[in-house]
Amino acid sequence: MNRLNHLTYFLLFVLCITNISLCAQEYRIFTVSDQMVGLNVGYGNQRIGGLQIDSEHDYEVLMLQGQYNFQLLEKRTWSLDFLLLPQFSFSKYKLNFHGPKNYGHELGLSGGLQFRKYIVKNNLDAYLQLAFGPHFVSGVPDRQDAGFIFSDSIAIGILSGLLDNLFLNLKLGLRHMSNARIKPRNGGVDNVILSAGLLIKLR
């Protein structure tokens, strides 16, 4: 719950700063070229390679995640985007370490911010992504109640240009899901998630 609060306050702070920056600049017209859309496929567990988090539960996820970026602010070497991440995921989990595998699914929508640093503009960017939003999970380990839940995540990634308006999107992230104590069991479910996908810049 503390992580949830910290991420929420941080997002609100950044949104306020962004709004101040935008108001200080010339009026900006909403244009199609400020937008990107795409699809990512990801796999998550409690351990990927040498990166491990919270080994007290077993929860795997295969994620299909849409992505929408709208550029809020751009400078010479960086930009800040508003982000929407709708997702549908298949899950596999154990109620406890001694139990059998169970199968479930997730459905959710997260919103957030993506800070992009241009390495080679229009060809290679590195980014930091923060997102938060409501989700539904059909089943989880017995440390956490299923049903309505909140997801907050942080990820780092790269965008690599393939064509003029097509980009390869690779990212590695950490995700935490819990229910803000709406239900009694709220031990949380954590994942390391590795994703790959394609983003198209609209024209």
C-alpha atoms as a PDB file:
ATOM      1  CA  MET A   1       0.000   0.000   0.000  1.00  0.00           C
ATOM      2  CA  ASN A   2       2.897   2.389   0.711  1.00  0.00           C
ATOM      3  CA  ARG A   3       4.273   1.789  -2.775  1.00  0.00           C
ATOM      4  CA  LEU A   4       0.815   2.520  -4.209  1.00  0.00           C
ATOM      5  CA  ASN A   5       0.606   5.819  -2.336  1.00  0.00           C
ATOM      6  CA  HIS A   6       4.112   6.864  -3.325  1.00  0.00           C
ATOM      7  CA  LEU A   7       3.492   6.177  -7.022  1.00  0.00           C
ATOM      8  CA  THR A   8       0.135   8.009  -6.961  1.00  0.00           C
ATOM      9  CA  TYR A   9       1.640  11.100  -5.304  1.00  0.00           C
ATOM     10  CA  PHE A  10       4.560  11.078  -7.727  1.00  0.00           C
ATOM     11  CA  LEU A  11       2.261  10.904 -10.764  1.00  0.00           C
ATOM     12  CA  LEU A  12       0.139  13.784  -9.439  1.00  0.00           C
ATOM     13  CA  PHE A  13       3.277  15.854  -8.822  1.00  0.00           C
ATOM     14  CA  VAL A  14       4.636  15.244 -12.331  1.00  0.00           C
ATOM     15  CA  LEU A  15       1.244  16.030 -13.894  1.00  0.00           C
ATOM     16  CA  CYS A  16       1.121  19.355 -12.035  1.00  0.00           C
ATOM     17  CA  ILE A  17       4.658  20.256 -13.157  1.00  0.00           C
ATOM     18  CA  THR A  18       3.796  19.270 -16.732  1.00  0.00           C
ATOM     19  CA  ASN A  19       0.684  21.451 -16.689  1.00  0.00           C
ATOM     20  CA  ILE A  20       2.689  24.438 -15.466  1.00  0.00           C
ATOM     21  CA  SER A  21       5.304  23.897 -18.184  1.00  0.00           C
ATOM     22  CA  LEU A  22       2.668  23.647 -20.900  1.00  0.00           C
ATOM     23  CA  CYS A  23       0.903  26.815 -19.771  1.00  0.00           C
ATOM     24  CA  ALA A  24       4.214  28.685 -19.842  1.00  0.00           C
ATOM     25  CA  GLN A  25       4.772  27.799 -23.511  1.00  0.00           C
ATOM     26  CA  GLU A  26       2.933  28.839 -26.636  1.00  0.00           C
ATOM     27  CA  TYR A  27      -0.503  27.318 -27.088  1.00  0.00           C
ATOM     28  CA  ARG A  28      -0.122  23.896 -28.580  1.00  0.00           C
ATOM     29  CA  ILE A  29      -2.626  22.360 -31.003  1.00  0.00           C
ATOM     30  CA  PHE A  30      -3.483  18.667 -30.639  1.00  0.00           C
ATOM     31  CA  THR A  31      -2.007  16.974 -33.721  1.00  0.00           C
ATOM     32  CA  VAL A  32      -2.018  13.410 -34.985  1.00  0.00           C
ATOM     33  CA  SER A  33       1.786  13.403 -35.234  1.00  0.00           C
ATOM     34  CA  ASP A  34       2.029  13.711 -31.428  1.00  0.00           C
ATOM     35  CA  GLN A  35       0.550  10.209 -31.031  1.00  0.00           C
ATOM     36  CA  MET A  36       1.767   6.605 -31.135  1.00  0.00           C
ATOM     37  CA  VAL A  37      -0.212   3.363 -30.880  1.00  0.00           C
ATOM     38  CA  GLY A  38       0.959  -0.204 -30.608  1.00  0.00           C
ATOM     39  CA  LEU A  39       0.810  -3.672 -29.102  1.00  0.00           C
ATOM     40  CA  ASN A  40       3.167  -5.405 -26.666  1.00  0.00           C
ATOM     41  CA  VAL A  41       3.477  -9.041 -25.615  1.00  0.00           C
ATOM     42  CA  GLY A  42       5.051  -9.720 -22.231  1.00  0.00           C
ATOM     43  CA  TYR A  43       5.901 -12.500 -19.810  1.00  0.00           C
ATOM     44  CA  GLY A  44       6.084 -12.033 -16.054  1.00  0.00           C
ATOM     45  CA  ASN A  45       7.133 -14.113 -13.073  1.00  0.00           C
ATOM     46  CA  GLN A  46       8.904 -13.531  -9.765  1.00  0.00           C
ATOM     47  CA  ARG A  47      12.259 -14.107 -11.468  1.00  0.00           C
ATOM     48  CA  ILE A  48      13.582 -13.280 -14.934  1.00  0.00           C
ATOM     49  CA  GLY A  49      17.294 -13.879 -15.451  1.00  0.00           C
ATOM     50  CA  GLY A  50      19.158 -12.554 -12.422  1.00  0.00           C
ATOM     51  CA  LEU A  51      16.325 -10.226 -11.368  1.00  0.00           C
ATOM     52  CA  GLN A  52      14.098 -11.623  -8.596  1.00  0.00           C
ATOM     53  CA  ILE A  53      11.415 -10.046  -6.414  1.00  0.00           C
ATOM     54  CA  ASP A  54       9.213 -11.352  -3.617  1.00  0.00           C
ATOM     55  CA  SER A  55       9.823 -15.112  -3.802  1.00  0.00           C
ATOM     56  CA  GLU A  56       7.022 -15.825  -1.262  1.00  0.00           C
ATOM     57  CA  HIS A  57       4.448 -16.563  -3.980  1.00  0.00           C
ATOM     58  CA  ASP A  58       4.163 -18.110  -7.446  1.00  0.00           C
ATOM     59  CA  TYR A  59       2.308 -16.084 -10.097  1.00  0.00           C
ATOM     60  CA  GLU A  60       3.059 -16.118 -13.837  1.00  0.00           C
ATOM     61  CA  VAL A  61       1.445 -13.927 -16.465  1.00  0.00           C
ATOM     62  CA  LEU A  62       1.379 -13.831 -20.281  1.00  0.00           C
ATOM     63  CA  MET A  63       0.342 -10.281 -21.155  1.00  0.00           C
ATOM     64  CA  LEU A  64      -1.223  -8.757 -24.266  1.00  0.00           C
ATOM     65  CA  GLN A  65      -0.964  -5.010 -23.796  1.00  0.00           C
ATOM     66  CA  GLY A  66      -2.089  -2.193 -26.041  1.00  0.00           C
ATOM     67  CA  GLN A  67      -0.262   1.123 -25.843  1.00  0.00           C
ATOM     68  CA  TYR A  68      -1.233   4.715 -26.634  1.00  0.00           C
ATOM     69  CA  ASN A  69       1.214   7.616 -26.251  1.00  0.00           C
ATOM     70  CA  PHE A  70       0.378  11.305 -26.575  1.00  0.00           C
ATOM     71  CA  GLN A  71       3.272  13.742 -26.364  1.00  0.00           C
ATOM     72  CA  LEU A  72       2.742  16.373 -23.655  1.00  0.00           C
ATOM     73  CA  LEU A  73       6.067  18.153 -23.872  1.00  0.00           C
ATOM     74  CA  GLU A  74       9.140  18.012 -26.119  1.00  0.00           C
ATOM     75  CA  LYS A  75      12.590  19.544 -25.785  1.00  0.00           C
ATOM     76  CA  ARG A  76      15.676  19.115 -27.952  1.00  0.00           C
ATOM     77  CA  THR A  77      16.932  15.916 -26.269  1.00  0.00           C
ATOM     78  CA  TRP A  78      13.879  14.558 -24.421  1.00  0.00           C
ATOM     79  CA  SER A  79      10.100  14.388 -24.309  1.00  0.00           C
ATOM     80  CA  LEU A  80       7.299  13.568 -21.883  1.00  0.00           C
ATOM     81  CA  ASP A  81       4.302  11.472 -22.997  1.00  0.00           C
ATOM     82  CA  PHE A  82       0.913  10.695 -21.500  1.00  0.00           C
ATOM     83  CA  LEU A  83       0.367   6.941 -21.603  1.00  0.00           C
ATOM     84  CA  LEU A  84      -2.577   4.501 -21.699  1.00  0.00           C
ATOM     85  CA  LEU A  85      -2.005   0.748 -21.343  1.00  0.00           C
ATOM     86  CA  PRO A  86      -5.094  -1.483 -21.776  1.00  0.00           C
ATOM     87  CA  GLN A  87      -4.308  -5.153 -21.210  1.00  0.00           C
ATOM     88  CA  PHE A  88      -5.640  -8.681 -21.177  1.00  0.00           C
ATOM     89  CA  SER A  89      -3.488 -11.380 -19.621  1.00  0.00           C
ATOM     90  CA  PHE A  90      -3.479 -15.107 -18.995  1.00  0.00           C
ATOM     91  CA  SER A  91      -2.209 -16.141 -15.572  1.00  0.00           C
ATOM     92  CA  LYS A  92      -0.894 -19.294 -13.918  1.00  0.00           C
ATOM     93  CA  TYR A  93      -0.477 -19.429 -10.153  1.00  0.00           C
ATOM     94  CA  LYS A  94      -0.352 -21.546  -7.015  1.00  0.00           C
ATOM     95  CA  LEU A  95      -2.578 -20.756  -4.037  1.00  0.00           C
ATOM     96  CA  ASN A  96       0.445 -21.721  -1.952  1.00  0.00           C
ATOM     97  CA  PHE A  97       3.795 -23.320  -2.728  1.00  0.00           C
ATOM     98  CA  HIS A  98       2.500 -26.812  -1.953  1.00  0.00           C
ATOM     99  CA  GLY A  99      -0.580 -26.608  -4.157  1.00  0.00           C
ATOM    100  CA  PRO A 100      -1.178 -27.356  -7.854  1.00  0.00           C
ATOM    101  CA  LYS A 101      -1.057 -24.783 -10.645  1.00  0.00           C
ATOM    102  CA  ASN A 102      -4.283 -22.876 -11.331  1.00  0.00           C
ATOM    103  CA  TYR A 103      -5.203 -20.860 -14.413  1.00  0.00           C
ATOM    104  CA  GLY A 104      -6.836 -17.452 -14.582  1.00  0.00           C
ATOM    105  CA  HIS A 105      -6.896 -14.145 -16.386  1.00  0.00           C
ATOM    106  CA  GLU A 106      -6.504 -10.402 -15.854  1.00  0.00           C
ATOM    107  CA  LEU A 107      -8.215  -7.411 -17.422  1.00  0.00           C
ATOM    108  CA  GLY A 108      -7.195  -3.825 -16.785  1.00  0.00           C
ATOM    109  CA  LEU A 109      -6.348  -0.312 -17.859  1.00  0.00           C
ATOM    110  CA  SER A 110      -3.403   1.719 -16.583  1.00  0.00           C
ATOM    111  CA  GLY A 111      -2.530   5.343 -17.229  1.00  0.00           C
ATOM    112  CA  GLY A 112       0.694   7.165 -16.575  1.00  0.00           C
ATOM    113  CA  LEU A 113       3.719   8.992 -17.917  1.00  0.00           C
ATOM    114  CA  GLN A 114       6.666   8.054 -20.105  1.00  0.00           C
ATOM    115  CA  PHE A 115       9.869  10.106 -20.043  1.00  0.00           C
ATOM    116  CA  ARG A 116      11.886   9.587 -23.238  1.00  0.00           C
ATOM    117  CA  LYS A 117      15.543  10.479 -23.714  1.00  0.00           C
ATOM    118  CA  TYR A 118      16.646  10.774 -27.335  1.00  0.00           C
ATOM    119  CA  ILE A 119      19.845   8.830 -28.021  1.00  0.00           C
ATOM    120  CA  VAL A 120      19.513   9.070 -31.805  1.00  0.00           C
ATOM    121  CA  LYS A 121      16.395  11.177 -32.461  1.00  0.00           C
ATOM    122  CA  ASN A 122      13.686   9.354 -34.473  1.00  0.00           C
ATOM    123  CA  ASN A 123      15.826   6.210 -34.429  1.00  0.00           C
ATOM    124  CA  LEU A 124      16.725   5.222 -30.843  1.00  0.00           C
ATOM    125  CA  ASP A 125      15.180   6.387 -27.547  1.00  0.00           C
ATOM    126  CA  ALA A 126      15.563   5.198 -23.957  1.00  0.00           C
ATOM    127  CA  TYR A 127      12.631   5.700 -21.593  1.00  0.00           C
ATOM    128  CA  LEU A 128      11.291   5.448 -18.064  1.00  0.00           C
ATOM    129  CA  GLN A 129       7.615   4.554 -17.702  1.00  0.00           C
ATOM    130  CA  LEU A 130       5.300   4.887 -14.670  1.00  0.00           C
ATOM    131  CA  ALA A 131       1.696   3.655 -14.741  1.00  0.00           C
ATOM    132  CA  PHE A 132      -1.204   2.989 -12.366  1.00  0.00           C
ATOM    133  CA  GLY A 133      -4.774   1.760 -12.804  1.00  0.00           C
ATOM    134  CA  PRO A 134      -7.684  -0.548 -11.902  1.00  0.00           C
ATOM    135  CA  HIS A 135      -7.597  -4.243 -12.834  1.00  0.00           C
ATOM    136  CA  PHE A 136      -9.683  -7.367 -12.426  1.00  0.00           C
ATOM    137  CA  VAL A 137      -7.984 -10.686 -11.616  1.00  0.00           C
ATOM    138  CA  SER A 138      -9.874 -13.979 -11.631  1.00  0.00           C
ATOM    139  CA  GLY A 139      -7.472 -15.754  -9.289  1.00  0.00           C
ATOM    140  CA  VAL A 140      -4.337 -15.071  -7.253  1.00  0.00           C
ATOM    141  CA  PRO A 141      -2.243 -16.751  -4.499  1.00  0.00           C
ATOM    142  CA  ASP A 142      -4.060 -17.032  -1.169  1.00  0.00           C
ATOM    143  CA  ARG A 143      -2.091 -14.096   0.295  1.00  0.00           C
ATOM    144  CA  GLN A 144      -4.274 -11.804  -1.863  1.00  0.00           C
ATOM    145  CA  ASP A 145      -8.022 -11.600  -2.589  1.00  0.00           C
ATOM    146  CA  ALA A 146      -9.070 -11.933  -6.223  1.00  0.00           C
ATOM    147  CA  GLY A 147     -11.440  -9.581  -8.042  1.00  0.00           C
ATOM    148  CA  PHE A 148     -11.054  -5.805  -8.248  1.00  0.00           C
ATOM    149  CA  ILE A 149      -7.459  -4.759  -7.684  1.00  0.00           C
ATOM    150  CA  PHE A 150      -5.025  -1.914  -8.409  1.00  0.00           C
ATOM    151  CA  SER A 151      -1.845  -2.240 -10.443  1.00  0.00           C
ATOM    152  CA  ASP A 152       1.152   0.084 -10.270  1.00  0.00           C
ATOM    153  CA  SER A 153       4.263  -0.417 -12.372  1.00  0.00           C
ATOM    154  CA  ILE A 154       7.609   1.033 -13.340  1.00  0.00           C
ATOM    155  CA  ALA A 155       9.573   0.063 -16.442  1.00  0.00           C
ATOM    156  CA  ILE A 156      12.658   1.009 -18.416  1.00  0.00           C
ATOM    157  CA  GLY A 157      12.894   0.404 -22.142  1.00  0.00           C
ATOM    158  CA  ILE A 158      14.109   1.372 -25.581  1.00  0.00           C
ATOM    159  CA  LEU A 159      12.375   2.381 -28.801  1.00  0.00           C
ATOM    160  CA  SER A 160      14.340   1.463 -31.910  1.00  0.00           C
ATOM    161  CA  GLY A 161      13.306   2.762 -35.326  1.00  0.00           C
ATOM    162  CA  LEU A 162      12.553   0.103 -37.950  1.00  0.00           C
ATOM    163  CA  LEU A 163      10.920   2.321 -40.582  1.00  0.00           C
ATOM    164  CA  ASP A 164      10.020   6.022 -40.721  1.00  0.00           C
ATOM    165  CA  ASN A 165       7.034   5.599 -38.421  1.00  0.00           C
ATOM    166  CA  LEU A 166       7.482   2.057 -37.001  1.00  0.00           C
ATOM    167  CA  PHE A 167       9.400   1.332 -33.802  1.00  0.00           C
ATOM    168  CA  LEU A 168      10.476  -1.812 -31.940  1.00  0.00           C
ATOM    169  CA  ASN A 169       9.552  -1.455 -28.257  1.00  0.00           C
ATOM    170  CA  LEU A 170      11.513  -3.459 -25.649  1.00  0.00           C
ATOM    171  CA  LYS A 171      11.019  -2.985 -21.914  1.00  0.00           C
ATOM    172  CA  LEU A 172      11.702  -4.545 -18.525  1.00  0.00           C
ATOM    173  CA  GLY A 173       9.419  -3.635 -15.643  1.00  0.00           C
ATOM    174  CA  LEU A 174       8.291  -4.298 -12.083  1.00  0.00           C
ATOM    175  CA  ARG A 175       4.585  -4.529 -11.278  1.00  0.00           C
ATOM    176  CA  HIS A 176       2.767  -4.628  -7.945  1.00  0.00           C
ATOM    177  CA  MET A 177      -0.935  -5.503  -7.588  1.00  0.00           C
ATOM    178  CA  SER A 178      -2.965  -5.071  -4.400  1.00  0.00           C
ATOM    179  CA  ASN A 179      -6.467  -3.926  -3.418  1.00  0.00           C
ATOM    180  CA  ALA A 180      -5.821  -0.885  -1.185  1.00  0.00           C
ATOM    181  CA  ARG A 181      -7.316  -2.901   1.720  1.00  0.00           C
ATOM    182  CA  ILE A 182     -10.776  -3.003   0.157  1.00  0.00           C
ATOM    183  CA  LYS A 183     -10.763  -6.720   1.033  1.00  0.00           C
ATOM    184  CA  PRO A 184      -9.110  -8.456   4.005  1.00  0.00           C
ATOM    185  CA  ARG A 185      -6.302 -10.311   2.217  1.00  0.00           C
ATOM    186  CA  ASN A 186      -3.894  -7.803   0.723  1.00  0.00           C
ATOM    187  CA  GLY A 187      -0.416  -9.361   0.695  1.00  0.00           C
ATOM    188  CA  GLY A 188       0.119  -8.199  -2.890  1.00  0.00           C
ATOM    189  CA  VAL A 189       1.247  -9.907  -6.064  1.00  0.00           C
ATOM    190  CA  ASP A 190       4.547  -8.842  -7.635  1.00  0.00           C
ATOM    191  CA  ASN A 191       5.999  -9.551 -11.066  1.00  0.00           C
ATOM    192  CA  VAL A 192       9.086  -8.865 -13.113  1.00  0.00           C
ATOM    193  CA  ILE A 193       7.768  -8.412 -16.673  1.00  0.00           C
ATOM    194  CA  LEU A 194       9.754  -8.516 -19.907  1.00  0.00           C
ATOM    195  CA  SER A 195       7.890  -7.171 -22.963  1.00  0.00           C
ATOM    196  CA  ALA A 196       8.415  -6.676 -26.681  1.00  0.00           C
ATOM    197  CA  GLY A 197       6.171  -5.012 -29.223  1.00  0.00           C
ATOM    198  CA  LEU A 198       5.683  -2.551 -32.048  1.00  0.00           C
ATOM    199  CA  LEU A 199       4.653   1.109 -31.913  1.00  0.00           C
ATOM    200  CA  ILE A 200       3.442   3.135 -34.894  1.00  0.00           C
ATOM    201  CA  LYS A 201       3.743   6.918 -34.975  1.00  0.00           C
ATOM    202  CA  LEU A 202       0.558   8.367 -36.443  1.00  0.00           C
ATOM    203  CA  ARG A 203       0.782  10.934 -39.245  1.00  0.00           C
END
